[in-house]
């Protein structure tokens, strides 16, 4: 049975998403930033692993690859990678929109 229009719920405030869903576009963007900066510098995961060594970060190329592909790495890891690659500026979006599954 269909609900009448008067009894349907209407969203009037900000969209409430589960945290794991709300972070998804931001995790995607973090991976894009990391991979794009590596691409600009023509670096692979092996070279990035070597660049991280002076920072005391001992990650194998495979570990870095898995972190990037899972899109579940810390902000500290991202900042360390950007510093190791000598990135001085990154564009940070103010909004990424609603995940496709909610459109």
PDB file of N, CA and C in Angstrom:
ATOM      1  N   UNK A   1       0.825  -1.177   0.000  1.00  0.00           N
ATOM      2  CA  UNK A   1       0.000   0.000   0.000  1.00  0.00           C
ATOM      3  C   UNK A   1       0.875   1.249   0.000  1.00  0.00           C
ATOM      4  N   UNK A   2       0.544   2.227  -0.795  1.00  0.00           N
ATOM      5  CA  UNK A   2       1.326   3.462  -0.872  1.00  0.00           C
ATOM      6  C   UNK A   2       0.875   4.434   0.198  1.00  0.00           C
ATOM      7  N   UNK A   3       1.858   5.131   0.745  1.00  0.00           N
ATOM      8  CA  UNK A   3       1.525   6.172   1.710  1.00  0.00           C
ATOM      9  C   UNK A   3       1.050   7.397   0.955  1.00  0.00           C
ATOM     10  N   UNK A   4       0.138   8.092   1.548  1.00  0.00           N
ATOM     11  CA  UNK A   4      -0.295   9.333   0.910  1.00  0.00           C
ATOM     12  C   UNK A   4       0.811  10.364   1.036  1.00  0.00           C
ATOM     13  N   UNK A   5       0.776  11.357   0.165  1.00  0.00           N
ATOM     14  CA  UNK A   5       1.811  12.386   0.166  1.00  0.00           C
ATOM     15  C   UNK A   5       1.904  13.104   1.509  1.00  0.00           C
ATOM     16  N   UNK A   6       0.824  13.231   2.210  1.00  0.00           N
ATOM     17  CA  UNK A   6       0.831  13.958   3.471  1.00  0.00           C
ATOM     18  C   UNK A   6       1.528  13.188   4.584  1.00  0.00           C
ATOM     19  N   UNK A   7       1.657  11.847   4.468  1.00  0.00           N
ATOM     20  CA  UNK A   7       2.303  11.067   5.522  1.00  0.00           C
ATOM     21  C   UNK A   7       3.747  10.687   5.189  1.00  0.00           C
ATOM     22  N   UNK A   8       4.225  11.003   3.992  1.00  0.00           N
ATOM     23  CA  UNK A   8       5.606  10.697   3.634  1.00  0.00           C
ATOM     24  C   UNK A   8       6.549  11.623   4.381  1.00  0.00           C
ATOM     25  N   UNK A   9       7.706  11.080   4.791  1.00  0.00           N
ATOM     26  CA  UNK A   9       8.709  11.891   5.479  1.00  0.00           C
ATOM     27  C   UNK A   9       9.420  12.783   4.478  1.00  0.00           C
ATOM     28  N   UNK A  10       9.668  13.996   4.876  1.00  0.00           N
ATOM     29  CA  UNK A  10      10.396  14.936   4.036  1.00  0.00           C
ATOM     30  C   UNK A  10      11.674  15.334   4.755  1.00  0.00           C
ATOM     31  N   UNK A  11      12.743  15.402   4.012  1.00  0.00           N
ATOM     32  CA  UNK A  11      14.021  15.837   4.572  1.00  0.00           C
ATOM     33  C   UNK A  11      14.047  17.357   4.504  1.00  0.00           C
ATOM     34  N   UNK A  12      14.157  17.982   5.671  1.00  0.00           N
ATOM     35  CA  UNK A  12      14.161  19.445   5.697  1.00  0.00           C
ATOM     36  C   UNK A  12      15.507  20.014   6.122  1.00  0.00           C
ATOM     37  N   UNK A  13      16.325  19.233   6.781  1.00  0.00           N
ATOM     38  CA  UNK A  13      17.630  19.702   7.250  1.00  0.00           C
ATOM     39  C   UNK A  13      18.739  19.044   6.472  1.00  0.00           C
ATOM     40  N   UNK A  14      19.945  19.086   7.035  1.00  0.00           N
ATOM     41  CA  UNK A  14      21.072  18.433   6.363  1.00  0.00           C
ATOM     42  C   UNK A  14      20.854  16.925   6.269  1.00  0.00           C
ATOM     43  N   UNK A  15      21.391  16.353   5.207  1.00  0.00           N
ATOM     44  CA  UNK A  15      21.281  14.914   4.990  1.00  0.00           C
ATOM     45  C   UNK A  15      22.087  14.188   6.051  1.00  0.00           C
ATOM     46  N   UNK A  16      21.479  13.239   6.735  1.00  0.00           N
ATOM     47  CA  UNK A  16      22.156  12.451   7.776  1.00  0.00           C
ATOM     48  C   UNK A  16      22.605  11.133   7.165  1.00  0.00           C
ATOM     49  N   UNK A  17      23.910  10.943   7.130  1.00  0.00           N
ATOM     50  CA  UNK A  17      24.480   9.716   6.582  1.00  0.00           C
ATOM     51  C   UNK A  17      25.251   8.981   7.659  1.00  0.00           C
ATOM     52  N   UNK A  18      25.336   7.675   7.520  1.00  0.00           N
ATOM     53  CA  UNK A  18      26.195   6.905   8.426  1.00  0.00           C
ATOM     54  C   UNK A  18      27.628   7.368   8.208  1.00  0.00           C
ATOM     55  N   UNK A  19      28.458   7.416   9.263  1.00  0.00           N
ATOM     56  CA  UNK A  19      29.836   7.907   9.114  1.00  0.00           C
ATOM     57  C   UNK A  19      30.610   7.210   8.001  1.00  0.00           C
ATOM     58  N   UNK A  20      30.453   5.885   7.878  1.00  0.00           N
ATOM     59  CA  UNK A  20      31.210   5.175   6.844  1.00  0.00           C
ATOM     60  C   UNK A  20      30.771   5.590   5.444  1.00  0.00           C
ATOM     61  N   UNK A  21      29.541   6.039   5.293  1.00  0.00           N
ATOM     62  CA  UNK A  21      29.054   6.519   4.002  1.00  0.00           C
ATOM     63  C   UNK A  21      29.452   7.984   3.795  1.00  0.00           C
ATOM     64  N   UNK A  22      29.340   8.768   4.846  1.00  0.00           N
ATOM     65  CA  UNK A  22      29.657  10.193   4.739  1.00  0.00           C
ATOM     66  C   UNK A  22      31.120  10.428   4.393  1.00  0.00           C
ATOM     67  N   UNK A  23      32.021   9.574   4.871  1.00  0.00           N
ATOM     68  CA  UNK A  23      33.449   9.750   4.609  1.00  0.00           C
ATOM     69  C   UNK A  23      33.887   9.225   3.245  1.00  0.00           C
ATOM     70  N   UNK A  24      33.059   8.413   2.602  1.00  0.00           N
ATOM     71  CA  UNK A  24      33.451   7.763   1.347  1.00  0.00           C
ATOM     72  C   UNK A  24      33.977   8.732   0.287  1.00  0.00           C
ATOM     73  N   UNK A  25      33.285   9.820  -0.036  1.00  0.00           N
ATOM     74  CA  UNK A  25      33.837  10.709  -1.071  1.00  0.00           C
ATOM     75  C   UNK A  25      35.136  11.385  -0.633  1.00  0.00           C
ATOM     76  N   UNK A  26      35.298  11.597   0.668  1.00  0.00           N
ATOM     77  CA  UNK A  26      36.531  12.218   1.167  1.00  0.00           C
ATOM     78  C   UNK A  26      37.690  11.233   1.098  1.00  0.00           C
ATOM     79  N   UNK A  27      37.421   9.963   1.369  1.00  0.00           N
ATOM     80  CA  UNK A  27      38.454   8.935   1.230  1.00  0.00           C
ATOM     81  C   UNK A  27      38.865   8.797  -0.224  1.00  0.00           C
ATOM     82  N   UNK A  28      37.881   8.846  -1.119  1.00  0.00           N
ATOM     83  CA  UNK A  28      38.185   8.797  -2.553  1.00  0.00           C
ATOM     84  C   UNK A  28      39.078   9.970  -2.942  1.00  0.00           C
ATOM     85  N   UNK A  29      38.744  11.158  -2.449  1.00  0.00           N
ATOM     86  CA  UNK A  29      39.532  12.360  -2.779  1.00  0.00           C
ATOM     87  C   UNK A  29      40.943  12.264  -2.220  1.00  0.00           C
ATOM     88  N   UNK A  30      41.095  11.730  -1.004  1.00  0.00           N
ATOM     89  CA  UNK A  30      42.429  11.576  -0.405  1.00  0.00           C
ATOM     90  C   UNK A  30      43.291  10.659  -1.270  1.00  0.00           C
ATOM     91  N   UNK A  31      42.712   9.556  -1.750  1.00  0.00           N
ATOM     92  CA  UNK A  31      43.462   8.656  -2.631  1.00  0.00           C
ATOM     93  C   UNK A  31      43.827   9.371  -3.924  1.00  0.00           C
ATOM     94  N   UNK A  32      42.860  10.115  -4.482  1.00  0.00           N
ATOM     95  CA  UNK A  32      43.126  10.843  -5.726  1.00  0.00           C
ATOM     96  C   UNK A  32      44.283  11.820  -5.551  1.00  0.00           C
ATOM     97  N   UNK A  33      44.318  12.517  -4.425  1.00  0.00           N
ATOM     98  CA  UNK A  33      45.398  13.474  -4.159  1.00  0.00           C
ATOM     99  C   UNK A  33      46.735  12.742  -4.116  1.00  0.00           C
ATOM    100  N   UNK A  34      46.798  11.659  -3.349  1.00  0.00           N
ATOM    101  CA  UNK A  34      48.042  10.897  -3.218  1.00  0.00           C
ATOM    102  C   UNK A  34      48.519  10.376  -4.567  1.00  0.00           C
ATOM    103  N   UNK A  35      47.637   9.722  -5.290  1.00  0.00           N
ATOM    104  CA  UNK A  35      48.011   9.114  -6.569  1.00  0.00           C
ATOM    105  C   UNK A  35      48.354  10.183  -7.610  1.00  0.00           C
ATOM    106  N   UNK A  36      47.603  11.279  -7.627  1.00  0.00           N
ATOM    107  CA  UNK A  36      47.871  12.364  -8.579  1.00  0.00           C
ATOM    108  C   UNK A  36      49.242  12.987  -8.339  1.00  0.00           C
ATOM    109  N   UNK A  37      49.592  13.209  -7.073  1.00  0.00           N
ATOM    110  CA  UNK A  37      50.909  13.780  -6.773  1.00  0.00           C
ATOM    111  C   UNK A  37      52.032  12.809  -7.127  1.00  0.00           C
ATOM    112  N   UNK A  38      51.790  11.520  -6.931  1.00  0.00           N
ATOM    113  CA  UNK A  38      52.786  10.522  -7.350  1.00  0.00           C
ATOM    114  C   UNK A  38      52.936  10.540  -8.868  1.00  0.00           C
ATOM    115  N   UNK A  39      51.800  10.629  -9.563  1.00  0.00           N
ATOM    116  CA  UNK A  39      51.826  10.636 -11.029  1.00  0.00           C
ATOM    117  C   UNK A  39      52.575  11.854 -11.555  1.00  0.00           C
ATOM    118  N   UNK A  40      52.312  13.024 -10.971  1.00  0.00           N
ATOM    119  CA  UNK A  40      52.979  14.253 -11.405  1.00  0.00           C
ATOM    120  C   UNK A  40      54.499  14.131 -11.303  1.00  0.00           C
ATOM    121  N   UNK A  41      54.953  13.402 -10.299  1.00  0.00           N
ATOM    122  CA  UNK A  41      56.389  13.256 -10.050  1.00  0.00           C
ATOM    123  C   UNK A  41      56.961  11.975 -10.654  1.00  0.00           C
ATOM    124  N   UNK A  42      56.087  11.233 -11.358  1.00  0.00           N
ATOM    125  CA  UNK A  42      56.490   9.967 -11.985  1.00  0.00           C
ATOM    126  C   UNK A  42      57.092   9.012 -10.957  1.00  0.00           C
ATOM    127  N   UNK A  43      56.403   8.890  -9.815  1.00  0.00           N
ATOM    128  CA  UNK A  43      56.843   8.015  -8.735  1.00  0.00           C
ATOM    129  C   UNK A  43      55.942   6.799  -8.634  1.00  0.00           C
ATOM    130  N   UNK A  44      56.557   5.675  -8.347  1.00  0.00           N
ATOM    131  CA  UNK A  44      55.802   4.472  -8.035  1.00  0.00           C
ATOM    132  C   UNK A  44      55.806   4.273  -6.529  1.00  0.00           C
ATOM    133  N   UNK A  45      55.166   3.203  -6.073  1.00  0.00           N
ATOM    134  CA  UNK A  45      55.112   2.936  -4.642  1.00  0.00           C
ATOM    135  C   UNK A  45      56.497   2.632  -4.070  1.00  0.00           C
ATOM    136  N   UNK A  46      57.362   2.034  -4.879  1.00  0.00           N
ATOM    137  CA  UNK A  46      58.718   1.735  -4.425  1.00  0.00           C
ATOM    138  C   UNK A  46      59.485   3.026  -4.132  1.00  0.00           C
ATOM    139  N   UNK A  47      59.376   4.001  -5.037  1.00  0.00           N
ATOM    140  CA  UNK A  47      60.068   5.283  -4.835  1.00  0.00           C
ATOM    141  C   UNK A  47      59.475   6.041  -3.649  1.00  0.00           C
ATOM    142  N   UNK A  48      58.157   5.986  -3.495  1.00  0.00           N
ATOM    143  CA  UNK A  48      57.531   6.661  -2.356  1.00  0.00           C
ATOM    144  C   UNK A  48      57.987   6.030  -1.044  1.00  0.00           C
ATOM    145  N   UNK A  49      58.092   4.717  -1.012  1.00  0.00           N
ATOM    146  CA  UNK A  49      58.572   4.041   0.198  1.00  0.00           C
ATOM    147  C   UNK A  49      59.977   4.529   0.567  1.00  0.00           C
ATOM    148  N   UNK A  50      60.821   4.701  -0.426  1.00  0.00           N
ATOM    149  CA  UNK A  50      62.182   5.208  -0.170  1.00  0.00           C
ATOM    150  C   UNK A  50      62.157   6.646   0.332  1.00  0.00           C
ATOM    151  N   UNK A  51      61.264   7.468  -0.229  1.00  0.00           N
ATOM    152  CA  UNK A  51      61.164   8.863   0.201  1.00  0.00           C
ATOM    153  C   UNK A  51      60.653   8.984   1.641  1.00  0.00           C
ATOM    154  N   UNK A  52      59.881   8.011   2.091  1.00  0.00           N
ATOM    155  CA  UNK A  52      59.343   8.048   3.454  1.00  0.00           C
ATOM    156  C   UNK A  52      60.363   7.625   4.511  1.00  0.00           C
ATOM    157  N   UNK A  53      61.401   6.911   4.111  1.00  0.00           N
ATOM    158  CA  UNK A  53      62.400   6.403   5.067  1.00  0.00           C
ATOM    159  C   UNK A  53      63.035   7.493   5.934  1.00  0.00           C
ATOM    160  N   UNK A  54      63.454   8.645   5.376  1.00  0.00           N
ATOM    161  CA  UNK A  54      64.048   9.676   6.228  1.00  0.00           C
ATOM    162  C   UNK A  54      63.094  10.224   7.294  1.00  0.00           C
ATOM    163  N   UNK A  55      61.802  10.011   7.101  1.00  0.00           N
ATOM    164  CA  UNK A  55      60.798  10.454   8.072  1.00  0.00           C
ATOM    165  C   UNK A  55      60.550   9.390   9.142  1.00  0.00           C
ATOM    166  N   UNK A  56      61.316   8.297   9.074  1.00  0.00           N
ATOM    167  CA  UNK A  56      61.154   7.211  10.047  1.00  0.00           C
ATOM    168  C   UNK A  56      59.966   6.316   9.745  1.00  0.00           C
ATOM    169  N   UNK A  57      59.430   6.411   8.542  1.00  0.00           N
ATOM    170  CA  UNK A  57      58.274   5.601   8.159  1.00  0.00           C
ATOM    171  C   UNK A  57      58.764   4.441   7.310  1.00  0.00           C
ATOM    172  N   UNK A  58      58.645   3.243   7.875  1.00  0.00           N
ATOM    173  CA  UNK A  58      59.143   2.038   7.232  1.00  0.00           C
ATOM    174  C   UNK A  58      57.962   1.250   6.667  1.00  0.00           C
ATOM    175  N   UNK A  59      57.565   1.605   5.467  1.00  0.00           N
ATOM    176  CA  UNK A  59      56.455   0.936   4.775  1.00  0.00           C
ATOM    177  C   UNK A  59      57.002   0.315   3.500  1.00  0.00           C
ATOM    178  N   UNK A  60      56.564  -0.894   3.211  1.00  0.00           N
ATOM    179  CA  UNK A  60      56.964  -1.510   1.952  1.00  0.00           C
ATOM    180  C   UNK A  60      56.097  -0.932   0.833  1.00  0.00           C
ATOM    181  N   UNK A  61      56.562  -1.037  -0.400  1.00  0.00           N
ATOM    182  CA  UNK A  61      55.721  -0.587  -1.514  1.00  0.00           C
ATOM    183  C   UNK A  61      54.351  -1.262  -1.532  1.00  0.00           C
ATOM    184  N   UNK A  62      54.311  -2.557  -1.196  1.00  0.00           N
ATOM    185  CA  UNK A  62      53.037  -3.277  -1.163  1.00  0.00           C
ATOM    186  C   UNK A  62      52.109  -2.732  -0.082  1.00  0.00           C
ATOM    187  N   UNK A  63      52.660  -2.375   1.081  1.00  0.00           N
ATOM    188  CA  UNK A  63      51.838  -1.806   2.150  1.00  0.00           C
ATOM    189  C   UNK A  63      51.241  -0.466   1.724  1.00  0.00           C
ATOM    190  N   UNK A  64      52.047   0.355   1.082  1.00  0.00           N
ATOM    191  CA  UNK A  64      51.561   1.659   0.610  1.00  0.00           C
ATOM    192  C   UNK A  64      50.486   1.460  -0.455  1.00  0.00           C
ATOM    193  N   UNK A  65      50.722   0.540  -1.363  1.00  0.00           N
ATOM    194  CA  UNK A  65      49.752   0.231  -2.414  1.00  0.00           C
ATOM    195  C   UNK A  65      48.422  -0.197  -1.803  1.00  0.00           C
ATOM    196  N   UNK A  66      48.471  -1.108  -0.821  1.00  0.00           N
ATOM    197  CA  UNK A  66      47.239  -1.579  -0.185  1.00  0.00           C
ATOM    198  C   UNK A  66      46.515  -0.445   0.526  1.00  0.00           C
ATOM    199  N   UNK A  67      47.262   0.402   1.241  1.00  0.00           N
ATOM    200  CA  UNK A  67      46.638   1.536   1.934  1.00  0.00           C
ATOM    201  C   UNK A  67      45.924   2.441   0.939  1.00  0.00           C
ATOM    202  N   UNK A  68      46.601   2.742  -0.148  1.00  0.00           N
ATOM    203  CA  UNK A  68      46.017   3.633  -1.156  1.00  0.00           C
ATOM    204  C   UNK A  68      44.779   3.003  -1.778  1.00  0.00           C
ATOM    205  N   UNK A  69      44.844   1.735  -2.123  1.00  0.00           N
ATOM    206  CA  UNK A  69      43.712   1.086  -2.775  1.00  0.00           C
ATOM    207  C   UNK A  69      42.531   0.853  -1.839  1.00  0.00           C
ATOM    208  N   UNK A  70      42.808   0.665  -0.553  1.00  0.00           N
ATOM    209  CA  UNK A  70      41.728   0.527   0.430  1.00  0.00           C
ATOM    210  C   UNK A  70      41.075   1.870   0.720  1.00  0.00           C
ATOM    211  N   UNK A  71      41.849   2.953   0.479  1.00  0.00           N
ATOM    212  CA  UNK A  71      41.399   4.322   0.770  1.00  0.00           C
ATOM    213  C   UNK A  71      41.125   4.498   2.255  1.00  0.00           C
ATOM    214  N   UNK A  72      41.855   3.788   3.085  1.00  0.00           N
ATOM    215  CA  UNK A  72      41.682   3.858   4.534  1.00  0.00           C
ATOM    216  C   UNK A  72      43.025   4.143   5.197  1.00  0.00           C
ATOM    217  N   UNK A  73      43.566   5.310   4.916  1.00  0.00           N
ATOM    218  CA  UNK A  73      44.813   5.692   5.561  1.00  0.00           C
ATOM    219  C   UNK A  73      44.587   6.970   6.349  1.00  0.00           C
ATOM    220  N   UNK A  74      45.446   7.202   7.316  1.00  0.00           N
ATOM    221  CA  UNK A  74      45.273   8.358   8.191  1.00  0.00           C
ATOM    222  C   UNK A  74      45.700   9.648   7.499  1.00  0.00           C
ATOM    223  N   UNK A  75      45.217  10.732   8.046  1.00  0.00           N
ATOM    224  CA  UNK A  75      45.638  12.046   7.562  1.00  0.00           C
ATOM    225  C   UNK A  75      47.140  12.203   7.777  1.00  0.00           C
ATOM    226  N   UNK A  76      47.655  11.649   8.857  1.00  0.00           N
ATOM    227  CA  UNK A  76      49.092  11.725   9.141  1.00  0.00           C
ATOM    228  C   UNK A  76      49.892  11.029   8.040  1.00  0.00           C
ATOM    229  N   UNK A  77      49.418   9.873   7.587  1.00  0.00           N
ATOM    230  CA  UNK A  77      50.097   9.159   6.506  1.00  0.00           C
ATOM    231  C   UNK A  77      50.079   9.986   5.227  1.00  0.00           C
ATOM    232  N   UNK A  78      48.924  10.561   4.900  1.00  0.00           N
ATOM    233  CA  UNK A  78      48.817  11.388   3.705  1.00  0.00           C
ATOM    234  C   UNK A  78      49.769  12.579   3.786  1.00  0.00           C
ATOM    235  N   UNK A  79      49.800  13.258   4.931  1.00  0.00           N
ATOM    236  CA  UNK A  79      50.690  14.413   5.084  1.00  0.00           C
ATOM    237  C   UNK A  79      52.154  14.012   4.976  1.00  0.00           C
ATOM    238  N   UNK A  80      52.510  12.866   5.562  1.00  0.00           N
ATOM    239  CA  UNK A  80      53.894  12.388   5.471  1.00  0.00           C
ATOM    240  C   UNK A  80      54.263  12.104   4.014  1.00  0.00           C
ATOM    241  N   UNK A  81      53.358  11.490   3.281  1.00  0.00           N
ATOM    242  CA  UNK A  81      53.617  11.201   1.863  1.00  0.00           C
ATOM    243  C   UNK A  81      53.774  12.491   1.074  1.00  0.00           C
ATOM    244  N   UNK A  82      52.889  13.461   1.318  1.00  0.00           N
ATOM    245  CA  UNK A  82      52.975  14.732   0.604  1.00  0.00           C
ATOM    246  C   UNK A  82      54.269  15.459   0.943  1.00  0.00           C
ATOM    247  N   UNK A  83      54.662  15.430   2.196  1.00  0.00           N
ATOM    248  CA  UNK A  83      55.924  16.060   2.602  1.00  0.00           C
ATOM    249  C   UNK A  83      57.107  15.358   1.948  1.00  0.00           C
ATOM    250  N   UNK A  84      57.084  14.030   1.931  1.00  0.00           N
ATOM    251  CA  UNK A  84      58.174  13.265   1.325  1.00  0.00           C
ATOM    252  C   UNK A  84      58.306  13.575  -0.168  1.00  0.00           C
ATOM    253  N   UNK A  85      57.178  13.854  -0.811  1.00  0.00           N
ATOM    254  CA  UNK A  85      57.197  14.184  -2.236  1.00  0.00           C
ATOM    255  C   UNK A  85      57.422  15.682  -2.472  1.00  0.00           C
ATOM    256  N   UNK A  86      57.595  16.427  -1.381  1.00  0.00           N
ATOM    257  CA  UNK A  86      57.825  17.876  -1.431  1.00  0.00           C
ATOM    258  C   UNK A  86      56.662  18.624  -2.073  1.00  0.00           C
ATOM    259  N   UNK A  87      55.445  18.183  -1.769  1.00  0.00           N
ATOM    260  CA  UNK A  87      54.239  18.875  -2.230  1.00  0.00           C
ATOM    261  C   UNK A  87      54.059  20.092  -1.327  1.00  0.00           C
ATOM    262  N   UNK A  88      53.906  21.256  -1.931  1.00  0.00           N
ATOM    263  CA  UNK A  88      53.762  22.472  -1.131  1.00  0.00           C
ATOM    264  C   UNK A  88      52.330  22.972  -1.053  1.00  0.00           C
ATOM    265  N   UNK A  89      51.471  22.549  -1.954  1.00  0.00           N
ATOM    266  CA  UNK A  89      50.078  22.987  -1.924  1.00  0.00           C
ATOM    267  C   UNK A  89      49.181  21.921  -2.543  1.00  0.00           C
ATOM    268  N   UNK A  90      48.003  21.770  -1.967  1.00  0.00           N
ATOM    269  CA  UNK A  90      47.011  20.830  -2.467  1.00  0.00           C
ATOM    270  C   UNK A  90      45.664  21.541  -2.426  1.00  0.00           C
ATOM    271  N   UNK A  91      44.895  21.409  -3.489  1.00  0.00           N
ATOM    272  CA  UNK A  91      43.563  21.994  -3.503  1.00  0.00           C
ATOM    273  C   UNK A  91      42.636  21.137  -2.650  1.00  0.00           C
ATOM    274  N   UNK A  92      41.979  21.783  -1.703  1.00  0.00           N
ATOM    275  CA  UNK A  92      41.051  21.082  -0.821  1.00  0.00           C
ATOM    276  C   UNK A  92      39.637  21.549  -1.155  1.00  0.00           C
ATOM    277  N   UNK A  93      38.786  20.628  -1.588  1.00  0.00           N
ATOM    278  CA  UNK A  93      37.420  21.037  -1.920  1.00  0.00           C
ATOM    279  C   UNK A  93      36.645  21.365  -0.648  1.00  0.00           C
ATOM    280  N   UNK A  94      35.705  22.288  -0.754  1.00  0.00           N
ATOM    281  CA  UNK A  94      34.879  22.608   0.406  1.00  0.00           C
ATOM    282  C   UNK A  94      33.698  21.662   0.512  1.00  0.00           C
ATOM    283  N   UNK A  95      33.358  21.016  -0.591  1.00  0.00           N
ATOM    284  CA  UNK A  95      32.241  20.090  -0.592  1.00  0.00           C
ATOM    285  C   UNK A  95      32.430  19.107  -1.738  1.00  0.00           C
ATOM    286  N   UNK A  96      32.106  17.847  -1.471  1.00  0.00           N
ATOM    287  CA  UNK A  96      32.247  16.829  -2.511  1.00  0.00           C
ATOM    288  C   UNK A  96      30.918  16.290  -2.991  1.00  0.00           C
ATOM    289  N   UNK A  97      29.848  16.670  -2.364  1.00  0.00           N
ATOM    290  CA  UNK A  97      28.536  16.205  -2.797  1.00  0.00           C
ATOM    291  C   UNK A  97      28.085  14.960  -2.085  1.00  0.00           C
ATOM    292  N   UNK A  98      26.945  14.473  -2.504  1.00  0.00           N
ATOM    293  CA  UNK A  98      26.300  13.317  -1.903  1.00  0.00           C
ATOM    294  C   UNK A  98      26.729  12.074  -2.678  1.00  0.00           C
ATOM    295  N   UNK A  99      27.054  10.969  -1.957  1.00  0.00           N
ATOM    296  CA  UNK A  99      27.428   9.739  -2.665  1.00  0.00           C
ATOM    297  C   UNK A  99      26.361   9.327  -3.673  1.00  0.00           C
ATOM    298  N   UNK A 100      26.777   8.721  -4.772  1.00  0.00           N
ATOM    299  CA  UNK A 100      25.866   8.323  -5.847  1.00  0.00           C
ATOM    300  C   UNK A 100      24.724   7.451  -5.351  1.00  0.00           C
ATOM    301  N   UNK A 101      25.009   6.620  -4.346  1.00  0.00           N
ATOM    302  CA  UNK A 101      23.978   5.715  -3.838  1.00  0.00           C
ATOM    303  C   UNK A 101      22.828   6.456  -3.164  1.00  0.00           C
ATOM    304  N   UNK A 102      22.993   7.727  -2.859  1.00  0.00           N
ATOM    305  CA  UNK A 102      21.943   8.502  -2.217  1.00  0.00           C
ATOM    306  C   UNK A 102      21.243   9.457  -3.179  1.00  0.00           C
ATOM    307  N   UNK A 103      21.624   9.456  -4.440  1.00  0.00           N
ATOM    308  CA  UNK A 103      20.986  10.349  -5.411  1.00  0.00           C
ATOM    309  C   UNK A 103      19.777   9.718  -6.015  1.00  0.00           C
TER     310      UNK A 103
END
